[in-house]
PDB file of N, CA and C in Angstrom:
ATOM      1  N   MET A   1     -15.562  12.153  10.426  1.00  0.00           N
ATOM      2  CA  MET A   1     -14.764  11.235   9.646  1.00  0.00           C
ATOM      3  C   MET A   1     -13.947  10.351  10.586  1.00  0.00           C
ATOM      4  N   ARG A   2     -13.934   9.081  10.297  1.00  0.00           N
ATOM      5  CA  ARG A   2     -13.175   8.133  11.107  1.00  0.00           C
ATOM      6  C   ARG A   2     -11.683   8.326  10.862  1.00  0.00           C
ATOM      7  N   ARG A   3     -10.930   8.347  11.918  1.00  0.00           N
ATOM      8  CA  ARG A   3      -9.487   8.551  11.830  1.00  0.00           C
ATOM      9  C   ARG A   3      -8.816   7.312  11.237  1.00  0.00           C
ATOM     10  N   LEU A   4      -7.866   7.534  10.381  1.00  0.00           N
ATOM     11  CA  LEU A   4      -7.139   6.452   9.736  1.00  0.00           C
ATOM     12  C   LEU A   4      -6.244   5.748  10.750  1.00  0.00           C
ATOM     13  N   GLU A   5      -6.278   4.429  10.749  1.00  0.00           N
ATOM     14  CA  GLU A   5      -5.426   3.670  11.658  1.00  0.00           C
ATOM     15  C   GLU A   5      -3.981   3.678  11.156  1.00  0.00           C
ATOM     16  N   ALA A   6      -3.082   3.312  12.027  1.00  0.00           N
ATOM     17  CA  ALA A   6      -1.667   3.242  11.654  1.00  0.00           C
ATOM     18  C   ALA A   6      -1.495   2.249  10.510  1.00  0.00           C
ATOM     19  N   PHE A   7      -0.606   2.591   9.595  1.00  0.00           N
ATOM     20  CA  PHE A   7      -0.360   1.683   8.490  1.00  0.00           C
ATOM     21  C   PHE A   7       1.114   1.709   8.111  1.00  0.00           C
ATOM     22  N   THR A   8       1.486   0.737   7.308  1.00  0.00           N
ATOM     23  CA  THR A   8       2.838   0.668   6.776  1.00  0.00           C
ATOM     24  C   THR A   8       2.733   0.506   5.273  1.00  0.00           C
ATOM     25  N   LEU A   9       3.780   0.846   4.555  1.00  0.00           N
ATOM     26  CA  LEU A   9       3.802   0.651   3.113  1.00  0.00           C
ATOM     27  C   LEU A   9       4.526  -0.645   2.814  1.00  0.00           C
ATOM     28  N   ALA A  10       3.881  -1.477   2.000  1.00  0.00           N
ATOM     29  CA  ALA A  10       4.433  -2.782   1.654  1.00  0.00           C
ATOM     30  C   ALA A  10       4.731  -2.828   0.164  1.00  0.00           C
ATOM     31  N   THR A  11       5.754  -3.541  -0.211  1.00  0.00           N
ATOM     32  CA  THR A  11       6.104  -3.712  -1.614  1.00  0.00           C
ATOM     33  C   THR A  11       5.252  -4.827  -2.214  1.00  0.00           C
ATOM     34  N   PHE A  12       4.562  -4.504  -3.292  1.00  0.00           N
ATOM     35  CA  PHE A  12       3.732  -5.466  -4.014  1.00  0.00           C
ATOM     36  C   PHE A  12       4.624  -6.528  -4.656  1.00  0.00           C
ATOM     37  N   LEU A  13       4.294  -7.812  -4.433  1.00  0.00           N
ATOM     38  CA  LEU A  13       5.062  -8.900  -5.042  1.00  0.00           C
ATOM     39  C   LEU A  13       4.256  -9.698  -6.054  1.00  0.00           C
ATOM     40  N   GLU A  14       3.073 -10.169  -5.643  1.00  0.00           N
ATOM     41  CA  GLU A  14       2.311 -11.091  -6.487  1.00  0.00           C
ATOM     42  C   GLU A  14       0.819 -10.946  -6.211  1.00  0.00           C
ATOM     43  N   LEU A  15       0.022 -11.100  -7.262  1.00  0.00           N
ATOM     44  CA  LEU A  15      -1.433 -10.981  -7.137  1.00  0.00           C
ATOM     45  C   LEU A  15      -2.100 -12.305  -7.473  1.00  0.00           C
ATOM     46  N   GLN A  16      -2.991 -12.741  -6.597  1.00  0.00           N
ATOM     47  CA  GLN A  16      -3.835 -13.910  -6.814  1.00  0.00           C
ATOM     48  C   GLN A  16      -5.289 -13.436  -6.683  1.00  0.00           C
ATOM     49  N   PRO A  17      -6.264 -14.193  -7.179  1.00  0.00           N
ATOM     50  CA  PRO A  17      -7.657 -13.737  -7.115  1.00  0.00           C
ATOM     51  C   PRO A  17      -8.190 -13.449  -5.709  1.00  0.00           C
ATOM     52  N   THR A  18      -7.659 -14.120  -4.689  1.00  0.00           N
ATOM     53  CA  THR A  18      -8.195 -13.915  -3.339  1.00  0.00           C
ATOM     54  C   THR A  18      -7.221 -13.261  -2.365  1.00  0.00           C
ATOM     55  N   TYR A  19      -5.968 -13.070  -2.778  1.00  0.00           N
ATOM     56  CA  TYR A  19      -4.992 -12.429  -1.894  1.00  0.00           C
ATOM     57  C   TYR A  19      -3.881 -11.775  -2.699  1.00  0.00           C
ATOM     58  N   VAL A  20      -3.171 -10.874  -2.031  1.00  0.00           N
ATOM     59  CA  VAL A  20      -1.995 -10.235  -2.614  1.00  0.00           C
ATOM     60  C   VAL A  20      -0.811 -10.560  -1.706  1.00  0.00           C
ATOM     61  N   THR A  21       0.326 -10.850  -2.308  1.00  0.00           N
ATOM     62  CA  THR A  21       1.544 -11.103  -1.552  1.00  0.00           C
ATOM     63  C   THR A  21       2.374  -9.830  -1.555  1.00  0.00           C
ATOM     64  N   VAL A  22       2.770  -9.404  -0.351  1.00  0.00           N
ATOM     65  CA  VAL A  22       3.559  -8.181  -0.201  1.00  0.00           C
ATOM     66  C   VAL A  22       4.798  -8.481   0.630  1.00  0.00           C
ATOM     67  N   LEU A  23       5.749  -7.555   0.560  1.00  0.00           N
ATOM     68  CA  LEU A  23       6.984  -7.672   1.318  1.00  0.00           C
ATOM     69  C   LEU A  23       7.068  -6.508   2.291  1.00  0.00           C
ATOM     70  N   ILE A  24       7.217  -6.830   3.579  1.00  0.00           N
ATOM     71  CA  ILE A  24       7.371  -5.818   4.623  1.00  0.00           C
ATOM     72  C   ILE A  24       8.574  -6.216   5.457  1.00  0.00           C
ATOM     73  N   HIS A  25       9.590  -5.367   5.454  1.00  0.00           N
ATOM     74  CA  HIS A  25      10.824  -5.636   6.213  1.00  0.00           C
ATOM     75  C   HIS A  25      11.356  -7.041   5.949  1.00  0.00           C
ATOM     76  N   GLN A  26      11.482  -7.381   4.679  1.00  0.00           N
ATOM     77  CA  GLN A  26      12.052  -8.655   4.219  1.00  0.00           C
ATOM     78  C   GLN A  26      11.210  -9.885   4.562  1.00  0.00           C
ATOM     79  N   ALA A  27       9.976  -9.693   5.009  1.00  0.00           N
ATOM     80  CA  ALA A  27       9.078 -10.821   5.285  1.00  0.00           C
ATOM     81  C   ALA A  27       7.895 -10.755   4.324  1.00  0.00           C
ATOM     82  N   ARG A  28       7.470 -11.918   3.833  1.00  0.00           N
ATOM     83  CA  ARG A  28       6.343 -12.004   2.894  1.00  0.00           C
ATOM     84  C   ARG A  28       5.042 -12.212   3.669  1.00  0.00           C
ATOM     85  N   TYR A  29       3.996 -11.523   3.217  1.00  0.00           N
ATOM     86  CA  TYR A  29       2.668 -11.653   3.818  1.00  0.00           C
ATOM     87  C   TYR A  29       1.648 -11.845   2.715  1.00  0.00           C
ATOM     88  N   ASN A  30       0.707 -12.772   2.906  1.00  0.00           N
ATOM     89  CA  ASN A  30      -0.429 -12.949   2.010  1.00  0.00           C
ATOM     90  C   ASN A  30      -1.618 -12.264   2.666  1.00  0.00           C
ATOM     91  N   ILE A  31      -2.131 -11.236   1.997  1.00  0.00           N
ATOM     92  CA  ILE A  31      -3.218 -10.439   2.560  1.00  0.00           C
ATOM     93  C   ILE A  31      -4.471 -10.664   1.734  1.00  0.00           C
ATOM     94  N   PRO A  32      -5.574 -11.092   2.363  1.00  0.00           N
ATOM     95  CA  PRO A  32      -6.817 -11.315   1.625  1.00  0.00           C
ATOM     96  C   PRO A  32      -7.327 -10.005   1.017  1.00  0.00           C
ATOM     97  N   ILE A  33      -7.916 -10.123  -0.176  1.00  0.00           N
ATOM     98  CA  ILE A  33      -8.438  -8.941  -0.864  1.00  0.00           C
ATOM     99  C   ILE A  33      -9.837  -9.202  -1.394  1.00  0.00           C
ATOM    100  N   SER A  34     -10.567  -8.125  -1.619  1.00  0.00           N
ATOM    101  CA  SER A  34     -11.907  -8.211  -2.199  1.00  0.00           C
ATOM    102  C   SER A  34     -11.801  -8.235  -3.729  1.00  0.00           C
ATOM    103  N   TYR A  35     -12.914  -8.494  -4.381  1.00  0.00           N
ATOM    104  CA  TYR A  35     -12.936  -8.497  -5.836  1.00  0.00           C
ATOM    105  C   TYR A  35     -12.570  -7.116  -6.383  1.00  0.00           C
ATOM    106  N   ASP A  36     -13.067  -6.047  -5.752  1.00  0.00           N
ATOM    107  CA  ASP A  36     -12.754  -4.690  -6.191  1.00  0.00           C
ATOM    108  C   ASP A  36     -11.264  -4.387  -6.035  1.00  0.00           C
ATOM    109  N   GLU A  37     -10.679  -4.804  -4.925  1.00  0.00           N
ATOM    110  CA  GLU A  37      -9.247  -4.604  -4.724  1.00  0.00           C
ATOM    111  C   GLU A  37      -8.451  -5.392  -5.761  1.00  0.00           C
ATOM    112  N   TYR A  38      -8.893  -6.606  -6.050  1.00  0.00           N
ATOM    113  CA  TYR A  38      -8.225  -7.415  -7.064  1.00  0.00           C
ATOM    114  C   TYR A  38      -8.247  -6.706  -8.418  1.00  0.00           C
ATOM    115  N   SER A  39      -9.409  -6.184  -8.797  1.00  0.00           N
ATOM    116  CA  SER A  39      -9.546  -5.490 -10.079  1.00  0.00           C
ATOM    117  C   SER A  39      -8.623  -4.284 -10.159  1.00  0.00           C
ATOM    118  N   PHE A  40      -8.544  -3.532  -9.079  1.00  0.00           N
ATOM    119  CA  PHE A  40      -7.672  -2.361  -9.030  1.00  0.00           C
ATOM    120  C   PHE A  40      -6.201  -2.773  -9.121  1.00  0.00           C
ATOM    121  N   LEU A  41      -5.816  -3.756  -8.332  1.00  0.00           N
ATOM    122  CA  LEU A  41      -4.419  -4.201  -8.317  1.00  0.00           C
ATOM    123  C   LEU A  41      -4.005  -4.865  -9.623  1.00  0.00           C
ATOM    124  N   GLU A  42      -4.955  -5.476 -10.301  1.00  0.00           N
ATOM    125  CA  GLU A  42      -4.655  -6.098 -11.589  1.00  0.00           C
ATOM    126  C   GLU A  42      -4.186  -5.030 -12.588  1.00  0.00           C
ATOM    127  N   ILE A  43      -4.791  -3.873 -12.539  1.00  0.00           N
ATOM    128  CA  ILE A  43      -4.382  -2.760 -13.399  1.00  0.00           C
ATOM    129  C   ILE A  43      -3.050  -2.191 -12.938  1.00  0.00           C
ATOM    130  N   MET A  44      -2.892  -2.041 -11.633  1.00  0.00           N
ATOM    131  CA  MET A  44      -1.711  -1.396 -11.063  1.00  0.00           C
ATOM    132  C   MET A  44      -0.454  -2.262 -11.093  1.00  0.00           C
ATOM    133  N   GLN A  45      -0.586  -3.561 -11.254  1.00  0.00           N
ATOM    134  CA  GLN A  45       0.579  -4.441 -11.154  1.00  0.00           C
ATOM    135  C   GLN A  45       1.602  -4.223 -12.264  1.00  0.00           C
ATOM    136  N   GLU A  46       1.268  -3.458 -13.274  1.00  0.00           N
ATOM    137  CA  GLU A  46       2.216  -3.165 -14.341  1.00  0.00           C
ATOM    138  C   GLU A  46       3.276  -2.150 -13.916  1.00  0.00           C
ATOM    139  N   GLU A  47       3.050  -1.454 -12.799  1.00  0.00           N
ATOM    140  CA  GLU A  47       4.019  -0.476 -12.305  1.00  0.00           C
ATOM    141  C   GLU A  47       5.293  -1.190 -11.862  1.00  0.00           C
ATOM    142  N   PRO A  48       6.467  -0.612 -12.124  1.00  0.00           N
ATOM    143  CA  PRO A  48       7.717  -1.288 -11.754  1.00  0.00           C
ATOM    144  C   PRO A  48       7.908  -1.454 -10.249  1.00  0.00           C
ATOM    145  N   LEU A  49       7.484  -0.478  -9.462  1.00  0.00           N
ATOM    146  CA  LEU A  49       7.574  -0.575  -8.005  1.00  0.00           C
ATOM    147  C   LEU A  49       6.276  -0.040  -7.438  1.00  0.00           C
ATOM    148  N   LEU A  50       5.503  -0.905  -6.847  1.00  0.00           N
ATOM    149  CA  LEU A  50       4.208  -0.513  -6.316  1.00  0.00           C
ATOM    150  C   LEU A  50       4.206  -0.720  -4.806  1.00  0.00           C
ATOM    151  N   LEU A  51       3.947   0.366  -4.064  1.00  0.00           N
ATOM    152  CA  LEU A  51       3.841   0.297  -2.611  1.00  0.00           C
ATOM    153  C   LEU A  51       2.370   0.330  -2.232  1.00  0.00           C
ATOM    154  N   LEU A  52       1.962  -0.566  -1.346  1.00  0.00           N
ATOM    155  CA  LEU A  52       0.571  -0.673  -0.927  1.00  0.00           C
ATOM    156  C   LEU A  52       0.432  -0.354   0.552  1.00  0.00           C
ATOM    157  N   PRO A  53      -0.623   0.389   0.924  1.00  0.00           N
ATOM    158  CA  PRO A  53      -0.867   0.644   2.339  1.00  0.00           C
ATOM    159  C   PRO A  53      -1.476  -0.589   3.008  1.00  0.00           C
ATOM    160  N   VAL A  54      -0.835  -1.054   4.067  1.00  0.00           N
ATOM    161  CA  VAL A  54      -1.257  -2.261   4.776  1.00  0.00           C
ATOM    162  C   VAL A  54      -1.470  -1.900   6.240  1.00  0.00           C
ATOM    163  N   SER A  55      -2.500  -2.482   6.852  1.00  0.00           N
ATOM    164  CA  SER A  55      -2.764  -2.218   8.262  1.00  0.00           C
ATOM    165  C   SER A  55      -1.550  -2.583   9.101  1.00  0.00           C
ATOM    166  N   HIS A  56      -1.450  -1.937  10.245  1.00  0.00           N
ATOM    167  CA  HIS A  56      -0.300  -2.160  11.124  1.00  0.00           C
ATOM    168  C   HIS A  56      -0.180  -3.635  11.535  1.00  0.00           C
ATOM    169  N   ASP A  57      -1.319  -4.308  11.667  1.00  0.00           N
ATOM    170  CA  ASP A  57      -1.290  -5.731  12.040  1.00  0.00           C
ATOM    171  C   ASP A  57      -1.053  -6.647  10.833  1.00  0.00           C
ATOM    172  N   ARG A  58      -0.906  -6.059   9.639  1.00  0.00           N
ATOM    173  CA  ARG A  58      -0.591  -6.760   8.392  1.00  0.00           C
ATOM    174  C   ARG A  58      -1.662  -7.760   7.979  1.00  0.00           C
ATOM    175  N   ARG A  59      -2.924  -7.443   8.296  1.00  0.00           N
ATOM    176  CA  ARG A  59      -4.019  -8.354   7.962  1.00  0.00           C
ATOM    177  C   ARG A  59      -4.869  -7.894   6.789  1.00  0.00           C
ATOM    178  N   HIS A  60      -4.820  -6.588   6.442  1.00  0.00           N
ATOM    179  CA  HIS A  60      -5.633  -6.128   5.322  1.00  0.00           C
ATOM    180  C   HIS A  60      -5.075  -4.845   4.702  1.00  0.00           C
ATOM    181  N   LEU A  61      -5.454  -4.641   3.444  1.00  0.00           N
ATOM    182  CA  LEU A  61      -5.067  -3.431   2.737  1.00  0.00           C
ATOM    183  C   LEU A  61      -5.932  -2.270   3.206  1.00  0.00           C
ATOM    184  N   LEU A  62      -5.432  -1.066   3.031  1.00  0.00           N
ATOM    185  CA  LEU A  62      -6.177   0.130   3.433  1.00  0.00           C
ATOM    186  C   LEU A  62      -6.444   1.045   2.245  1.00  0.00           C
ATOM    187  N   LEU A  63      -6.660   0.471   1.074  1.00  0.00           N
ATOM    188  CA  LEU A  63      -6.882   1.263  -0.128  1.00  0.00           C
ATOM    189  C   LEU A  63      -8.109   2.149  -0.012  1.00  0.00           C
ATOM    190  N   ASP A  64      -9.207   1.628   0.479  1.00  0.00           N
ATOM    191  CA  ASP A  64     -10.446   2.397   0.555  1.00  0.00           C
ATOM    192  C   ASP A  64     -10.362   3.544   1.551  1.00  0.00           C
ATOM    193  N   ARG A  65      -9.712   3.342   2.668  1.00  0.00           N
ATOM    194  CA  ARG A  65      -9.603   4.403   3.671  1.00  0.00           C
ATOM    195  C   ARG A  65      -8.659   5.513   3.230  1.00  0.00           C
ATOM    196  N   LEU A  66      -7.599   5.147   2.547  1.00  0.00           N
ATOM    197  CA  LEU A  66      -6.654   6.161   2.090  1.00  0.00           C
ATOM    198  C   LEU A  66      -7.285   7.098   1.082  1.00  0.00           C
ATOM    199  N   ALA A  67      -8.142   6.567   0.248  1.00  0.00           N
ATOM    200  CA  ALA A  67      -8.771   7.388  -0.780  1.00  0.00           C
ATOM    201  C   ALA A  67      -9.673   8.467  -0.193  1.00  0.00           C
ATOM    202  N   ALA A  68     -10.117   8.297   1.048  1.00  0.00           N
ATOM    203  CA  ALA A  68     -11.042   9.248   1.662  1.00  0.00           C
ATOM    204  C   ALA A  68     -10.416  10.085   2.773  1.00  0.00           C
ATOM    205  N   ASP A  69      -9.163   9.869   3.097  1.00  0.00           N
ATOM    206  CA  ASP A  69      -8.531  10.575   4.214  1.00  0.00           C
ATOM    207  C   ASP A  69      -7.580  11.653   3.697  1.00  0.00           C
ATOM    208  N   PRO A  70      -7.901  12.947   3.908  1.00  0.00           N
ATOM    209  CA  PRO A  70      -7.061  14.022   3.369  1.00  0.00           C
ATOM    210  C   PRO A  70      -5.644  14.043   3.949  1.00  0.00           C
ATOM    211  N   ILE A  71      -5.492  13.689   5.209  1.00  0.00           N
ATOM    212  CA  ILE A  71      -4.159  13.670   5.818  1.00  0.00           C
ATOM    213  C   ILE A  71      -3.318  12.573   5.183  1.00  0.00           C
ATOM    214  N   ALA A  72      -3.896  11.400   4.998  1.00  0.00           N
ATOM    215  CA  ALA A  72      -3.164  10.292   4.380  1.00  0.00           C
ATOM    216  C   ALA A  72      -2.806  10.626   2.935  1.00  0.00           C
ATOM    217  N   LEU A  73      -3.713  11.280   2.219  1.00  0.00           N
ATOM    218  CA  LEU A  73      -3.423  11.661   0.839  1.00  0.00           C
ATOM    219  C   LEU A  73      -2.244  12.623   0.780  1.00  0.00           C
ATOM    220  N   GLN A  74      -2.185  13.561   1.711  1.00  0.00           N
ATOM    221  CA  GLN A  74      -1.065  14.496   1.747  1.00  0.00           C
ATOM    222  C   GLN A  74       0.239  13.767   2.083  1.00  0.00           C
ATOM    223  N   GLU A  75       0.177  12.822   3.031  1.00  0.00           N
ATOM    224  CA  GLU A  75       1.368  12.053   3.386  1.00  0.00           C
ATOM    225  C   GLU A  75       1.861  11.222   2.205  1.00  0.00           C
ATOM    226  N   MET A  76       0.929  10.630   1.447  1.00  0.00           N
ATOM    227  CA  MET A  76       1.315   9.854   0.282  1.00  0.00           C
ATOM    228  C   MET A  76       1.945  10.759  -0.780  1.00  0.00           C
ATOM    229  N   LYS A  77       1.388  11.946  -0.950  1.00  0.00           N
ATOM    230  CA  LYS A  77       1.945  12.900  -1.910  1.00  0.00           C
ATOM    231  C   LYS A  77       3.362  13.295  -1.492  1.00  0.00           C
ATOM    232  N   ASP A  78       3.553  13.555  -0.200  1.00  0.00           N
ATOM    233  CA  ASP A  78       4.879  13.893   0.314  1.00  0.00           C
ATOM    234  C   ASP A  78       5.845  12.725   0.126  1.00  0.00           C
ATOM    235  N   PHE A  79       5.361  11.491   0.355  1.00  0.00           N
ATOM    236  CA  PHE A  79       6.194  10.295   0.193  1.00  0.00           C
ATOM    237  C   PHE A  79       6.634  10.157  -1.260  1.00  0.00           C
ATOM    238  N   GLU A  80       5.700  10.374  -2.201  1.00  0.00           N
ATOM    239  CA  GLU A  80       6.031  10.289  -3.621  1.00  0.00           C
ATOM    240  C   GLU A  80       7.096  11.311  -3.979  1.00  0.00           C
ATOM    241  N   GLY A  81       6.974  12.530  -3.436  1.00  0.00           N
ATOM    242  CA  GLY A  81       7.976  13.557  -3.692  1.00  0.00           C
ATOM    243  C   GLY A  81       9.321  13.171  -3.122  1.00  0.00           C
ATOM    244  N   ALA A  82       9.327  12.544  -1.965  1.00  0.00           N
ATOM    245  CA  ALA A  82      10.584  12.117  -1.331  1.00  0.00           C
ATOM    246  C   ALA A  82      11.240  11.002  -2.140  1.00  0.00           C
ATOM    247  N   ALA A  83      10.432  10.149  -2.755  1.00  0.00           N
ATOM    248  CA  ALA A  83      10.980   9.044  -3.544  1.00  0.00           C
ATOM    249  C   ALA A  83      11.713   9.578  -4.761  1.00  0.00           C
ATOM    250  N   ASP A  84      11.322  10.761  -5.253  1.00  0.00           N
ATOM    251  CA  ASP A  84      11.992  11.371  -6.400  1.00  0.00           C
ATOM    252  C   ASP A  84      13.275  12.083  -6.001  1.00  0.00           C
ATOM    253  N   SER A  85      13.431  12.297  -4.707  1.00  0.00           N
ATOM    254  CA  SER A  85      14.605  12.990  -4.198  1.00  0.00           C
ATOM    255  C   SER A  85      15.814  12.067  -4.189  1.00  0.00           C
ATOM    256  N   PRO A  86      17.019  12.599  -4.463  1.00  0.00           N
ATOM    257  CA  PRO A  86      18.208  11.742  -4.405  1.00  0.00           C
ATOM    258  C   PRO A  86      18.531  11.257  -2.993  1.00  0.00           C
ATOM    259  N   VAL A  87      17.975  11.922  -1.982  1.00  0.00           N
ATOM    260  CA  VAL A  87      18.205  11.524  -0.596  1.00  0.00           C
ATOM    261  C   VAL A  87      16.883  11.075  -0.014  1.00  0.00           C
ATOM    262  N   SER A  88      16.478   9.832  -0.325  1.00  0.00           N
ATOM    263  CA  SER A  88      15.225   9.314   0.214  1.00  0.00           C
ATOM    264  C   SER A  88      15.511   8.036   0.984  1.00  0.00           C
ATOM    265  N   SER A  89      14.599   7.726   1.918  1.00  0.00           N
ATOM    266  CA  SER A  89      14.760   6.506   2.688  1.00  0.00           C
ATOM    267  C   SER A  89      13.413   5.884   2.945  1.00  0.00           C
ATOM    268  N   GLU A  90      13.370   4.592   3.208  1.00  0.00           N
ATOM    269  CA  GLU A  90      12.128   3.890   3.491  1.00  0.00           C
ATOM    270  C   GLU A  90      11.498   4.472   4.744  1.00  0.00           C
ATOM    271  N   GLY A  91      10.186   4.645   4.678  1.00  0.00           N
ATOM    272  CA  GLY A  91       9.456   5.169   5.835  1.00  0.00           C
ATOM    273  C   GLY A  91       9.464   6.677   5.889  1.00  0.00           C
ATOM    274  N   ALA A  92       9.936   7.343   4.850  1.00  0.00           N
ATOM    275  CA  ALA A  92       9.966   8.803   4.831  1.00  0.00           C
ATOM    276  C   ALA A  92       8.581   9.380   4.825  1.00  0.00           C
TER     277      ALA A  92
END
């Protein structure tokens, strides 16, 4: 299995047919997306706060790799649990 590259979590802002706009450390980025990613994000955009995995270089989403990486899935599960905690911080 290919090792997952470093990534950051970005706040979802806006969806367009060919790109998604996200916020990372108070800066906006337009990241190109595929039709499948668009379809998925179109459903997910109803969530009040949606965090998306973005490559470290901020050039593409990592949705497909996260779905297949057990370590990343565990980290995301831990992150979700931390978000429910009264003492949580960005990057936890």
